[in-house]
Amino acid sequence: MSDELIVGYTGEVLNITINRGDHGNGMSDPMIAELGDVIEREQRKARLIVLRGAGADFCIGRSSMGAPRPAGMDAFQSRDMSDVVFRAYGLLRQSHAPVLAVVQGRALGFGFALAAAADITIASDKAQFQIPEFSHNIMPTMVMSSMIDRVPMKALMYHVWTCATIDARKAMEIGTVSAVVPHADLEKEVEKFIGGLLAAPRPAVHAVKEYGVNAQGIDMNKAVHYARNIHALINTAAEMKRR
């Protein structure tokens, strides 16, 4: 494991810190692959995964953004190169353990996508968000795929086409941030959220994640039926009965 990702447990909480603070925590493709590997390996051990960036920013995107593609690359090769990013988004969504993103500064491009794809995103009131791909002549559909079930389409297309920089409250308004807190209180509020989650029964925490991920893609009657079944199932868990 490289020192560009700091990975470690605090009790049952898996902490992942992007450790390139001097470079805005821009992530190379090998780093993105490593992030995916960590989540894939640890997502059933952890009760919660917390994703942070070292220093002033969360993540300013892929460090390769804007670099020319290798000459002669065909569409299939280009798609394969992009799969490292789609894999990371998918692993965040499908992780058995919920994922909390903590955004203290800039979250741009891939960084904005990470924040959006997390289950919960707590942002400082000093945080900034942007989808800059269009201004670099890069197709923004990778980032869009991370937000397609979070952001209303008219808002998503507007922010893609304009490359507008928005604050945390606007990001919350469009559905990519869960809560905005004063910058000085960010860590206190994060710890408060973590404490509340850890106090809840583990089966219920993970069932909420499962339902949230899977119920959106089915029709209303099936979603209600799914809710009835998972409600009955989880309430039989021994940990639920102890409370």
Foldseek 3Di string as FASTA:
>chain_A
DDPQWDWDDDVQEIEIEREPQVVLSAAELVRLLVLLVCLVVCLVRHQEYEYAYPHQWGYAYHPCQLPDDPPPDDPVNVVVSCVSLVSSLVSQLPRLHAYEYETEAEQEASRLLVLQSGPAYEYEQHYKYWDCNVVSVHDSVSSCVSCVVFFDPVVVVVRNVVRDIDTPVVCVVRGSHDYYDHSVCRVVVVVVVVVVSVVDDSLVNSLVSVLVSPLVVDDDVVSVVVVVVSVVVSCVDPSNVVD
